[in-house]
N, C-alpha and C. Protein backbone atom coordinates (compact mmCIF):
# COMPACT_ATOMS: atom_id res chain seq x y z
N MET A 1 92.45 204.04 57.08
CA MET A 1 91.66 203.42 56.15
C MET A 1 92.51 202.96 55.02
N ASN A 2 92.44 201.70 54.53
CA ASN A 2 93.11 201.18 53.42
C ASN A 2 92.38 201.43 52.15
N VAL A 3 92.96 202.20 51.23
CA VAL A 3 92.29 202.64 49.94
C VAL A 3 93.13 202.22 48.73
N VAL A 4 92.31 201.78 47.75
CA VAL A 4 92.79 201.58 46.44
C VAL A 4 92.11 202.57 45.54
N LEU A 5 92.99 203.19 44.68
CA LEU A 5 92.46 204.23 43.79
C LEU A 5 92.62 203.69 42.34
N ALA A 6 91.46 203.70 41.64
CA ALA A 6 91.48 203.40 40.17
C ALA A 6 91.24 204.74 39.44
N GLY A 7 92.17 205.34 38.84
CA GLY A 7 92.01 206.76 38.37
C GLY A 7 92.82 206.96 37.14
N GLU A 8 92.30 207.94 36.39
CA GLU A 8 92.90 208.44 35.15
C GLU A 8 92.63 209.89 35.02
N GLU A 9 93.35 210.57 34.09
CA GLU A 9 93.13 211.87 33.77
C GLU A 9 93.38 212.82 34.98
N LEU A 10 93.09 214.12 34.77
CA LEU A 10 93.33 215.16 35.76
C LEU A 10 92.55 214.84 37.05
N ALA A 11 91.31 214.42 36.95
CA ALA A 11 90.57 214.04 38.21
C ALA A 11 91.14 212.92 38.96
N GLY A 12 91.83 211.99 38.28
CA GLY A 12 92.47 210.88 38.98
C GLY A 12 93.75 211.44 39.64
N LEU A 13 94.37 212.38 39.02
CA LEU A 13 95.67 212.89 39.63
C LEU A 13 95.34 213.64 40.81
N GLN A 14 94.22 214.46 40.79
CA GLN A 14 93.79 215.21 41.92
C GLN A 14 93.35 214.39 43.13
N ALA A 15 92.70 213.23 42.76
CA ALA A 15 92.39 212.32 43.84
C ALA A 15 93.62 211.65 44.47
N LEU A 16 94.55 211.30 43.69
CA LEU A 16 95.85 210.71 44.01
C LEU A 16 96.59 211.71 44.95
N ARG A 17 96.68 212.93 44.58
CA ARG A 17 97.41 213.88 45.35
C ARG A 17 96.72 214.06 46.69
N ALA A 18 95.39 214.14 46.72
CA ALA A 18 94.64 214.39 48.00
C ALA A 18 94.85 213.18 48.90
N LEU A 19 94.80 211.95 48.30
CA LEU A 19 95.05 210.79 49.17
C LEU A 19 96.47 210.76 49.75
N GLY A 20 97.46 211.19 48.82
CA GLY A 20 98.81 211.36 49.30
C GLY A 20 99.01 212.20 50.57
N ARG A 21 98.08 213.30 50.62
CA ARG A 21 98.24 214.20 51.78
C ARG A 21 97.39 213.71 52.95
N SER A 22 96.60 212.74 52.69
CA SER A 22 95.72 212.28 53.81
C SER A 22 96.44 211.31 54.72
N SER A 23 95.77 210.99 55.81
CA SER A 23 96.27 209.90 56.74
C SER A 23 95.87 208.47 56.30
N HIS A 24 95.17 208.32 55.22
CA HIS A 24 94.85 206.99 54.76
C HIS A 24 96.02 206.33 54.17
N GLN A 25 95.92 204.93 54.15
CA GLN A 25 96.92 204.14 53.66
C GLN A 25 96.56 203.73 52.17
N VAL A 26 97.34 204.29 51.16
CA VAL A 26 97.09 203.91 49.79
C VAL A 26 97.73 202.50 49.46
N VAL A 27 96.90 201.57 49.35
CA VAL A 27 97.38 200.12 49.14
C VAL A 27 98.01 200.00 47.71
N ALA A 28 97.26 200.62 46.76
CA ALA A 28 97.68 200.62 45.37
C ALA A 28 96.99 201.57 44.58
N VAL A 29 97.46 201.83 43.31
CA VAL A 29 96.81 202.76 42.44
C VAL A 29 96.66 201.99 41.13
N LEU A 30 95.50 201.82 40.67
CA LEU A 30 95.19 201.17 39.36
C LEU A 30 95.10 202.25 38.30
N ALA A 31 96.04 202.21 37.28
CA ALA A 31 96.07 203.25 36.25
C ALA A 31 96.66 202.68 35.05
N SER A 32 96.57 203.39 33.92
CA SER A 32 97.19 203.01 32.65
C SER A 32 98.62 203.32 32.55
N PRO A 33 99.54 202.36 32.27
CA PRO A 33 100.93 202.67 32.16
C PRO A 33 101.09 203.66 30.99
N PRO A 34 102.05 204.54 31.08
CA PRO A 34 102.21 205.55 29.92
C PRO A 34 102.67 204.75 28.65
N LYS A 35 102.26 205.42 27.59
CA LYS A 35 102.64 204.78 26.17
C LYS A 35 103.92 205.17 25.78
N SER A 36 104.52 206.24 26.34
CA SER A 36 105.89 206.65 25.92
C SER A 36 106.61 207.17 27.17
N GLU A 37 107.88 207.36 27.05
CA GLU A 37 108.69 207.88 28.07
C GLU A 37 108.36 209.32 28.41
N ALA A 38 107.77 210.02 27.44
CA ALA A 38 107.53 211.51 27.51
C ALA A 38 106.28 211.72 28.32
N ALA A 39 105.44 210.78 28.65
CA ALA A 39 104.14 210.93 29.33
C ALA A 39 104.44 211.03 30.79
N GLY A 40 105.03 212.09 31.27
CA GLY A 40 105.50 212.22 32.68
C GLY A 40 104.41 212.45 33.74
N SER A 41 103.39 213.23 33.38
CA SER A 41 102.40 213.64 34.42
C SER A 41 101.09 212.83 34.30
N ASN A 42 101.21 211.54 34.25
CA ASN A 42 99.97 210.78 34.24
C ASN A 42 99.90 210.07 35.56
N VAL A 43 98.72 209.49 35.92
CA VAL A 43 98.50 208.91 37.18
C VAL A 43 99.45 207.83 37.51
N TRP A 44 99.86 206.96 36.59
CA TRP A 44 100.71 205.89 36.77
C TRP A 44 102.11 206.40 37.25
N ASN A 45 102.72 207.32 36.52
CA ASN A 45 104.04 207.88 36.91
C ASN A 45 103.99 208.70 38.26
N ILE A 46 103.04 209.44 38.40
CA ILE A 46 102.94 210.23 39.67
C ILE A 46 102.82 209.28 40.90
N ALA A 47 101.97 208.22 40.75
CA ALA A 47 101.74 207.41 41.73
C ALA A 47 103.08 206.63 42.16
N GLN A 48 103.84 206.19 41.15
CA GLN A 48 105.22 205.60 41.47
C GLN A 48 106.15 206.66 42.00
N ASN A 49 106.12 207.83 41.56
CA ASN A 49 107.05 208.91 42.13
C ASN A 49 106.62 209.16 43.60
N MET A 50 105.36 208.95 43.97
CA MET A 50 105.00 209.12 45.37
C MET A 50 105.24 207.93 46.18
N GLY A 51 105.77 206.85 45.58
CA GLY A 51 105.99 205.68 46.33
C GLY A 51 104.96 204.62 46.48
N PHE A 52 103.84 204.80 45.63
CA PHE A 52 102.69 203.89 45.74
C PHE A 52 102.88 202.71 44.75
N GLU A 53 102.36 201.56 45.17
CA GLU A 53 102.34 200.43 44.25
C GLU A 53 101.36 200.65 43.10
N THR A 54 101.78 200.40 41.87
CA THR A 54 100.88 200.56 40.75
C THR A 54 100.49 199.23 40.13
N TRP A 55 99.07 199.13 39.87
CA TRP A 55 98.66 197.94 39.14
C TRP A 55 97.97 198.42 37.95
N THR A 56 97.95 197.57 36.82
CA THR A 56 97.38 198.08 35.59
C THR A 56 95.93 198.26 35.71
N ALA A 57 95.34 199.31 35.11
CA ALA A 57 93.94 199.60 35.29
C ALA A 57 93.06 198.59 34.83
N LYS A 58 93.30 197.79 33.85
CA LYS A 58 92.38 196.89 33.29
C LYS A 58 92.08 195.70 34.20
N GLN A 59 92.89 195.52 35.34
CA GLN A 59 92.67 194.47 36.32
C GLN A 59 91.35 194.46 36.97
N VAL A 60 90.69 195.66 36.93
CA VAL A 60 89.42 195.79 37.57
C VAL A 60 88.37 195.01 36.92
N LYS A 61 88.62 194.55 35.67
CA LYS A 61 87.74 193.80 34.89
C LYS A 61 87.82 192.21 35.24
N ASP A 62 88.87 191.93 36.01
CA ASP A 62 89.24 190.55 36.35
C ASP A 62 88.76 190.15 37.76
N ALA A 63 87.99 189.10 37.77
CA ALA A 63 87.39 188.77 39.26
C ALA A 63 88.54 188.35 40.17
N THR A 64 89.74 188.00 39.67
CA THR A 64 90.82 187.57 40.57
C THR A 64 91.35 188.81 41.41
N LEU A 65 91.05 190.11 41.02
CA LEU A 65 91.42 191.17 41.69
C LEU A 65 90.74 191.17 43.05
N ALA A 66 89.63 190.75 43.15
CA ALA A 66 88.77 190.67 44.38
C ALA A 66 89.64 189.99 45.54
N ASN A 67 90.26 188.84 45.17
CA ASN A 67 91.00 188.21 46.27
C ASN A 67 92.14 189.09 46.71
N ARG A 68 92.78 189.70 45.74
CA ARG A 68 93.95 190.57 46.12
C ARG A 68 93.48 191.70 47.05
N LEU A 69 92.37 192.25 46.77
CA LEU A 69 91.84 193.35 47.66
C LEU A 69 91.59 192.83 49.03
N ARG A 70 91.03 191.60 49.03
CA ARG A 70 90.70 191.05 50.41
C ARG A 70 91.96 190.75 51.19
N LEU A 71 92.95 190.23 50.50
CA LEU A 71 94.31 189.89 51.20
C LEU A 71 94.92 191.20 51.61
N LYS A 72 94.76 192.30 50.97
CA LYS A 72 95.40 193.51 51.28
C LYS A 72 94.51 194.34 52.36
N GLN A 73 93.42 193.77 52.72
CA GLN A 73 92.37 194.36 53.55
C GLN A 73 91.96 195.79 53.15
N VAL A 74 91.54 195.85 51.91
CA VAL A 74 91.16 197.15 51.35
C VAL A 74 89.72 197.45 51.96
N ASP A 75 89.60 198.70 52.43
CA ASP A 75 88.36 199.19 52.90
C ASP A 75 87.51 199.84 51.82
N ILE A 76 88.17 200.65 50.95
CA ILE A 76 87.46 201.37 49.94
C ILE A 76 88.21 201.33 48.61
N LEU A 77 87.47 201.12 47.52
CA LEU A 77 87.96 201.28 46.14
C LEU A 77 87.38 202.56 45.60
N LEU A 78 88.24 203.57 45.31
CA LEU A 78 87.74 204.81 44.68
C LEU A 78 88.00 204.73 43.17
N ASN A 79 86.98 204.98 42.43
CA ASN A 79 87.05 204.87 40.98
C ASN A 79 86.85 206.36 40.48
N VAL A 80 87.88 206.93 39.91
CA VAL A 80 87.85 208.38 39.53
C VAL A 80 88.26 208.43 38.06
N HIS A 81 87.28 208.51 37.16
CA HIS A 81 87.47 208.62 35.71
C HIS A 81 88.13 207.41 35.18
N SER A 82 88.08 206.23 35.77
CA SER A 82 88.69 205.02 35.25
C SER A 82 87.99 204.65 33.86
N LEU A 83 88.70 203.94 33.11
CA LEU A 83 88.29 203.66 31.77
C LEU A 83 87.57 202.24 31.59
N TYR A 84 87.51 201.57 32.65
CA TYR A 84 86.98 200.18 32.61
C TYR A 84 85.82 199.93 33.55
N ILE A 85 84.89 199.05 33.13
CA ILE A 85 83.79 198.70 33.98
C ILE A 85 84.41 197.68 35.02
N ILE A 86 84.07 197.85 36.24
CA ILE A 86 84.60 196.97 37.32
C ILE A 86 83.74 195.71 37.46
N HIS A 87 84.56 194.64 37.56
CA HIS A 87 83.87 193.32 37.76
C HIS A 87 83.04 193.30 39.03
N LYS A 88 81.93 192.60 39.08
CA LYS A 88 81.10 192.55 40.20
C LYS A 88 81.74 192.03 41.41
N ASP A 89 82.58 190.94 41.27
CA ASP A 89 83.33 190.43 42.43
C ASP A 89 84.29 191.44 42.98
N VAL A 90 84.97 192.29 42.15
CA VAL A 90 85.77 193.26 42.69
C VAL A 90 84.99 194.43 43.38
N LEU A 91 83.82 194.72 42.98
CA LEU A 91 82.95 195.64 43.63
C LEU A 91 82.51 195.23 45.04
N ASP A 92 82.45 193.93 45.18
CA ASP A 92 82.08 193.34 46.54
C ASP A 92 83.25 193.11 47.45
N ALA A 93 84.38 193.22 47.00
CA ALA A 93 85.59 192.94 47.91
C ALA A 93 85.92 193.92 48.94
N PRO A 94 85.96 195.30 48.72
CA PRO A 94 86.35 196.26 49.78
C PRO A 94 85.37 196.13 50.88
N ARG A 95 85.86 196.29 52.11
CA ARG A 95 85.05 196.23 53.29
C ARG A 95 83.95 197.15 53.37
N PHE A 96 84.15 198.46 53.02
CA PHE A 96 83.07 199.53 53.07
C PHE A 96 82.49 199.69 51.66
N GLY A 97 83.19 199.33 50.58
CA GLY A 97 82.49 199.47 49.28
C GLY A 97 83.34 200.26 48.37
N CYS A 98 82.68 200.56 47.22
CA CYS A 98 83.35 201.26 46.10
C CYS A 98 82.59 202.57 45.90
N PHE A 99 83.34 203.53 45.41
CA PHE A 99 82.70 204.83 45.21
C PHE A 99 83.24 205.27 43.84
N ASN A 100 82.25 205.79 42.94
CA ASN A 100 82.58 206.15 41.60
C ASN A 100 82.48 207.62 41.39
N LEU A 101 83.38 208.31 40.89
CA LEU A 101 83.33 209.68 40.43
C LEU A 101 83.23 209.73 38.91
N HIS A 102 82.19 210.12 38.38
CA HIS A 102 81.92 210.30 36.91
C HIS A 102 81.66 211.70 36.57
N PRO A 103 82.15 212.22 35.45
CA PRO A 103 82.06 213.65 35.17
C PRO A 103 80.66 214.12 34.77
N ALA A 104 79.67 213.15 34.74
CA ALA A 104 78.37 213.58 34.30
C ALA A 104 77.30 212.71 34.96
N PRO A 105 76.02 213.13 34.91
CA PRO A 105 75.03 212.23 35.52
C PRO A 105 74.79 210.86 34.87
N LEU A 106 74.83 209.92 35.59
CA LEU A 106 74.62 208.48 35.03
C LEU A 106 73.13 208.10 35.30
N PRO A 107 72.63 207.19 34.44
CA PRO A 107 73.21 206.66 33.32
C PRO A 107 73.03 207.36 32.05
N ARG A 108 72.29 208.52 32.05
CA ARG A 108 72.03 209.35 30.85
C ARG A 108 73.20 209.75 30.08
N TYR A 109 74.26 210.12 30.83
CA TYR A 109 75.54 210.59 30.16
C TYR A 109 76.74 209.68 30.45
N ALA A 110 76.53 208.49 30.02
CA ALA A 110 77.67 207.51 30.25
C ALA A 110 78.65 207.72 29.14
N GLY A 111 79.92 207.27 29.32
CA GLY A 111 80.83 207.21 28.28
C GLY A 111 81.98 208.13 28.63
N LEU A 112 82.96 208.13 27.64
CA LEU A 112 84.23 208.95 27.99
C LEU A 112 84.16 210.42 27.60
N ASN A 113 83.26 210.84 26.74
CA ASN A 113 83.20 212.17 26.37
C ASN A 113 81.92 212.94 26.83
N THR A 114 81.58 212.65 27.97
CA THR A 114 80.34 213.14 28.51
C THR A 114 80.22 214.76 28.59
N ILE A 115 81.34 215.32 28.83
CA ILE A 115 81.43 216.79 29.01
C ILE A 115 81.02 217.40 27.69
N SER A 116 81.52 216.99 26.58
CA SER A 116 81.21 217.61 25.23
C SER A 116 79.91 217.19 24.77
């Protein structure tokens, strides 16, 4: 299965590592590039160290990403603690769909700090 991961934070790292151990093909990882050289254990750096192609996380807001996903024959887009709302065209692009992991029940507890 061809998978794109949009992920941030520890949950995104865990999903990335699980995908890396799986038999699935990771097409790309959408994440935020580190703000400094010292930020070693973020999703962007770990994905690159694992040999995966990295795309900037905010691309999910752009409808043109949908064409890229179709060209790469993406089956599933996994959204794990990503910081951006995904454009509707991007949501429609993967063959099987998109799956969202959010740390709290939606829509009642939307936002970045739902745990607290």
